[in-house]
Amino acid sequence: MAWIRGRCLWIRYGREDRGQVFVLRRKLGKAVKRNKVKRRLRSICRCRPNLPHSLVVLCQPPAIHAPFSELERELDSLVFKLSNPLPLGKK
């Protein structure tokens, strides 16, 4: 399972039956900041019925300061790339 990498988020298919897993490491900041990003991501995922059944989202340091709209755009584009991989040999 390879990660699809973005500026603020990395995603991959999960091993669970369904749901999203958000991974925010301690080095991203205090709990208040990490929880704010998790709340934003949950809100984004709640409004998107086309998400894969099981998804793992790994947050990178820029996600802490990213506006809501940027997180939305990036998650949408990463999910599109995850569900429509490029053919081998093309970048």
N, C-alpha and C. Protein backbone atom coordinates (compact mmCIF):
# COMPACT_ATOMS: atom_id res chain seq x y z
N MET A 1 0.84 -1.18 0.00
CA MET A 1 0.00 0.00 0.00
C MET A 1 0.88 1.24 0.00
N ALA A 2 0.88 1.91 -1.10
CA ALA A 2 1.71 3.09 -1.24
C ALA A 2 0.92 4.34 -0.84
N TRP A 3 1.64 5.30 -0.32
CA TRP A 3 1.05 6.58 0.05
C TRP A 3 0.94 7.46 -1.19
N ILE A 4 -0.14 8.19 -1.28
CA ILE A 4 -0.31 9.25 -2.26
C ILE A 4 0.00 10.53 -1.51
N ARG A 5 1.01 11.25 -1.94
CA ARG A 5 1.52 12.38 -1.17
C ARG A 5 1.07 13.72 -1.72
N GLY A 6 0.68 14.58 -0.79
CA GLY A 6 0.35 15.95 -1.10
C GLY A 6 1.20 16.87 -0.23
N ARG A 7 0.94 18.13 -0.27
CA ARG A 7 1.70 19.09 0.53
C ARG A 7 1.35 18.98 2.01
N CYS A 8 0.06 18.90 2.34
CA CYS A 8 -0.40 18.86 3.72
C CYS A 8 -0.79 17.47 4.19
N LEU A 9 -1.20 16.62 3.26
CA LEU A 9 -1.74 15.32 3.62
C LEU A 9 -1.13 14.22 2.77
N TRP A 10 -1.01 13.03 3.36
CA TRP A 10 -0.69 11.81 2.63
C TRP A 10 -1.84 10.87 2.88
N ILE A 11 -2.26 10.12 1.86
CA ILE A 11 -3.37 9.18 2.07
C ILE A 11 -3.03 7.82 1.47
N ARG A 12 -3.71 6.80 1.96
CA ARG A 12 -3.64 5.46 1.40
C ARG A 12 -4.90 4.72 1.81
N TYR A 13 -5.14 3.58 1.18
CA TYR A 13 -6.25 2.74 1.59
C TYR A 13 -5.91 2.14 2.95
N GLY A 14 -6.94 1.98 3.79
CA GLY A 14 -6.74 1.41 5.11
C GLY A 14 -6.97 -0.08 5.13
N ARG A 15 -6.67 -0.70 6.26
CA ARG A 15 -6.88 -2.13 6.44
C ARG A 15 -8.20 -2.42 7.15
N GLU A 16 -8.86 -1.40 7.65
CA GLU A 16 -10.11 -1.56 8.37
C GLU A 16 -11.25 -1.80 7.37
N ASP A 17 -12.36 -2.28 7.88
CA ASP A 17 -13.52 -2.52 7.01
C ASP A 17 -14.09 -1.22 6.47
N ARG A 18 -14.16 -0.21 7.31
CA ARG A 18 -14.68 1.08 6.86
C ARG A 18 -14.25 2.17 7.83
N GLY A 19 -14.35 3.41 7.37
CA GLY A 19 -14.03 4.56 8.20
C GLY A 19 -12.71 5.20 7.82
N GLN A 20 -12.48 6.34 8.40
CA GLN A 20 -11.25 7.08 8.15
C GLN A 20 -10.40 7.08 9.43
N VAL A 21 -9.10 6.98 9.24
CA VAL A 21 -8.15 7.06 10.34
C VAL A 21 -7.30 8.29 10.07
N PHE A 22 -7.24 9.19 11.05
CA PHE A 22 -6.42 10.40 10.92
C PHE A 22 -5.22 10.26 11.84
N VAL A 23 -4.03 10.41 11.26
CA VAL A 23 -2.79 10.26 12.00
C VAL A 23 -2.14 11.62 12.11
N LEU A 24 -2.02 12.11 13.35
CA LEU A 24 -1.35 13.38 13.60
C LEU A 24 -0.32 13.14 14.70
N ARG A 25 0.93 13.27 14.34
CA ARG A 25 2.00 13.00 15.29
C ARG A 25 2.19 14.17 16.25
N ARG A 26 2.80 13.88 17.38
CA ARG A 26 3.02 14.92 18.40
C ARG A 26 3.91 16.05 17.90
N LYS A 27 4.80 15.74 16.98
CA LYS A 27 5.71 16.78 16.51
C LYS A 27 4.99 17.87 15.71
N LEU A 28 3.70 17.65 15.38
CA LEU A 28 2.94 18.67 14.67
C LEU A 28 2.51 19.81 15.59
N GLY A 29 2.51 19.59 16.88
CA GLY A 29 2.13 20.65 17.80
C GLY A 29 1.36 20.12 18.99
N LYS A 30 0.85 21.03 19.78
CA LYS A 30 0.09 20.66 20.97
C LYS A 30 -1.25 20.04 20.57
N ALA A 31 -1.88 19.40 21.56
CA ALA A 31 -3.13 18.66 21.32
C ALA A 31 -4.23 19.55 20.76
N VAL A 32 -4.28 20.80 21.18
CA VAL A 32 -5.32 21.71 20.70
C VAL A 32 -5.23 21.89 19.19
N LYS A 33 -4.02 22.09 18.69
CA LYS A 33 -3.82 22.27 17.25
C LYS A 33 -4.11 20.99 16.48
N ARG A 34 -3.64 19.86 17.01
CA ARG A 34 -3.88 18.57 16.34
C ARG A 34 -5.37 18.26 16.29
N ASN A 35 -6.08 18.51 17.38
CA ASN A 35 -7.51 18.24 17.41
C ASN A 35 -8.28 19.14 16.45
N LYS A 36 -7.83 20.37 16.29
CA LYS A 36 -8.49 21.28 15.35
C LYS A 36 -8.40 20.74 13.92
N VAL A 37 -7.23 20.22 13.55
CA VAL A 37 -7.06 19.65 12.22
C VAL A 37 -7.93 18.40 12.07
N LYS A 38 -7.98 17.57 13.10
CA LYS A 38 -8.83 16.37 13.04
C LYS A 38 -10.30 16.73 12.88
N ARG A 39 -10.75 17.76 13.59
CA ARG A 39 -12.15 18.19 13.45
C ARG A 39 -12.43 18.67 12.03
N ARG A 40 -11.50 19.41 11.47
CA ARG A 40 -11.66 19.89 10.10
C ARG A 40 -11.74 18.73 9.11
N LEU A 41 -10.85 17.75 9.28
CA LEU A 41 -10.84 16.61 8.36
C LEU A 41 -12.10 15.77 8.50
N ARG A 42 -12.58 15.59 9.73
CA ARG A 42 -13.84 14.85 9.92
C ARG A 42 -14.99 15.55 9.23
N SER A 43 -15.02 16.86 9.34
CA SER A 43 -16.08 17.64 8.70
C SER A 43 -16.01 17.51 7.18
N ILE A 44 -14.83 17.54 6.63
CA ILE A 44 -14.65 17.39 5.18
C ILE A 44 -15.12 16.00 4.74
N CYS A 45 -14.73 14.98 5.47
CA CYS A 45 -15.08 13.60 5.10
C CYS A 45 -16.57 13.34 5.25
N ARG A 46 -17.20 13.98 6.20
CA ARG A 46 -18.64 13.80 6.42
C ARG A 46 -19.45 14.24 5.21
N CYS A 47 -18.96 15.24 4.50
CA CYS A 47 -19.70 15.81 3.36
C CYS A 47 -19.34 15.13 2.03
N ARG A 48 -18.50 14.12 2.07
CA ARG A 48 -18.04 13.48 0.84
C ARG A 48 -18.44 12.00 0.81
N PRO A 49 -19.56 11.67 0.15
CA PRO A 49 -19.99 10.28 0.10
C PRO A 49 -19.14 9.40 -0.82
N ASN A 50 -18.31 10.02 -1.68
CA ASN A 50 -17.53 9.25 -2.65
C ASN A 50 -16.17 8.80 -2.12
N LEU A 51 -15.91 8.96 -0.83
CA LEU A 51 -14.63 8.53 -0.26
C LEU A 51 -14.56 7.00 -0.23
N PRO A 52 -13.35 6.45 -0.33
CA PRO A 52 -13.21 5.00 -0.17
C PRO A 52 -13.71 4.56 1.20
N HIS A 53 -14.13 3.30 1.30
CA HIS A 53 -14.68 2.79 2.56
C HIS A 53 -13.66 2.86 3.69
N SER A 54 -12.41 2.64 3.39
CA SER A 54 -11.37 2.67 4.41
C SER A 54 -10.23 3.55 3.92
N LEU A 55 -9.89 4.56 4.70
CA LEU A 55 -8.91 5.55 4.29
C LEU A 55 -8.04 5.95 5.47
N VAL A 56 -6.74 6.04 5.24
CA VAL A 56 -5.80 6.52 6.26
C VAL A 56 -5.25 7.85 5.78
N VAL A 57 -5.34 8.88 6.63
CA VAL A 57 -4.87 10.22 6.30
C VAL A 57 -3.76 10.58 7.27
N LEU A 58 -2.56 10.80 6.75
CA LEU A 58 -1.41 11.20 7.56
C LEU A 58 -1.17 12.69 7.33
N CYS A 59 -1.23 13.46 8.38
CA CYS A 59 -1.08 14.91 8.27
C CYS A 59 0.39 15.30 8.36
N GLN A 60 0.76 16.23 7.53
CA GLN A 60 2.11 16.79 7.51
C GLN A 60 2.10 18.16 8.18
N PRO A 61 3.26 18.70 8.57
CA PRO A 61 3.28 19.99 9.28
C PRO A 61 2.53 21.14 8.63
N PRO A 62 2.51 21.30 7.30
CA PRO A 62 1.74 22.42 6.73
C PRO A 62 0.24 22.34 6.99
N ALA A 63 -0.28 21.17 7.33
CA ALA A 63 -1.72 21.01 7.58
C ALA A 63 -2.18 21.80 8.80
N ILE A 64 -1.29 22.03 9.74
CA ILE A 64 -1.64 22.76 10.96
C ILE A 64 -2.08 24.19 10.63
N HIS A 65 -1.41 24.82 9.67
CA HIS A 65 -1.69 26.22 9.34
C HIS A 65 -2.51 26.39 8.07
N ALA A 66 -2.88 25.28 7.43
CA ALA A 66 -3.61 25.36 6.17
C ALA A 66 -5.07 25.76 6.41
N PRO A 67 -5.63 26.61 5.57
CA PRO A 67 -7.05 26.95 5.69
C PRO A 67 -7.92 25.75 5.31
N PHE A 68 -9.16 25.79 5.77
CA PHE A 68 -10.12 24.72 5.53
C PHE A 68 -10.25 24.41 4.04
N SER A 69 -10.35 25.44 3.22
CA SER A 69 -10.55 25.25 1.78
C SER A 69 -9.36 24.53 1.14
N GLU A 70 -8.16 24.80 1.61
CA GLU A 70 -6.98 24.14 1.07
C GLU A 70 -6.99 22.65 1.43
N LEU A 71 -7.38 22.34 2.66
CA LEU A 71 -7.48 20.94 3.07
C LEU A 71 -8.53 20.20 2.23
N GLU A 72 -9.65 20.87 1.97
CA GLU A 72 -10.70 20.28 1.12
C GLU A 72 -10.18 19.95 -0.27
N ARG A 73 -9.55 20.95 -0.89
CA ARG A 73 -9.04 20.76 -2.25
C ARG A 73 -8.00 19.65 -2.31
N GLU A 74 -7.10 19.65 -1.34
CA GLU A 74 -6.03 18.65 -1.37
C GLU A 74 -6.58 17.24 -1.13
N LEU A 75 -7.49 17.09 -0.19
CA LEU A 75 -8.07 15.77 0.06
C LEU A 75 -8.83 15.27 -1.17
N ASP A 76 -9.59 16.14 -1.81
CA ASP A 76 -10.31 15.75 -3.02
C ASP A 76 -9.36 15.30 -4.13
N SER A 77 -8.29 16.05 -4.33
CA SER A 77 -7.36 15.69 -5.41
C SER A 77 -6.61 14.39 -5.07
N LEU A 78 -6.26 14.19 -3.81
CA LEU A 78 -5.55 12.96 -3.43
C LEU A 78 -6.45 11.74 -3.54
N VAL A 79 -7.72 11.88 -3.17
CA VAL A 79 -8.66 10.76 -3.31
C VAL A 79 -8.85 10.42 -4.78
N PHE A 80 -8.91 11.45 -5.63
CA PHE A 80 -9.03 11.21 -7.07
C PHE A 80 -7.82 10.44 -7.58
N LYS A 81 -6.60 10.85 -7.17
CA LYS A 81 -5.39 10.15 -7.58
C LYS A 81 -5.35 8.73 -7.04
N LEU A 82 -5.84 8.54 -5.84
CA LEU A 82 -5.84 7.20 -5.22
C LEU A 82 -6.77 6.26 -5.96
N SER A 83 -7.91 6.75 -6.39
CA SER A 83 -8.88 5.89 -7.06
C SER A 83 -8.61 5.77 -8.57
N ASN A 84 -7.81 6.67 -9.13
CA ASN A 84 -7.47 6.64 -10.57
C ASN A 84 -5.96 6.71 -10.74
N PRO A 85 -5.25 5.62 -10.43
CA PRO A 85 -3.79 5.67 -10.53
C PRO A 85 -3.34 5.81 -11.98
N LEU A 86 -2.17 6.43 -12.16
CA LEU A 86 -1.59 6.56 -13.49
C LEU A 86 -1.11 5.19 -14.00
N PRO A 87 -1.18 4.95 -15.28
CA PRO A 87 -0.63 3.70 -15.81
C PRO A 87 0.87 3.63 -15.56
N LEU A 88 1.41 2.44 -15.48
CA LEU A 88 2.84 2.27 -15.24
C LEU A 88 3.63 2.96 -16.34
N GLY A 89 4.72 3.59 -15.95
CA GLY A 89 5.60 4.24 -16.91
C GLY A 89 5.23 5.68 -17.20
N LYS A 90 4.13 6.19 -16.66
CA LYS A 90 3.74 7.58 -16.91
C LYS A 90 3.74 8.34 -15.60
N LYS A 91 4.14 9.61 -15.69
CA LYS A 91 4.17 10.45 -14.50
C LYS A 91 3.35 11.68 -14.71
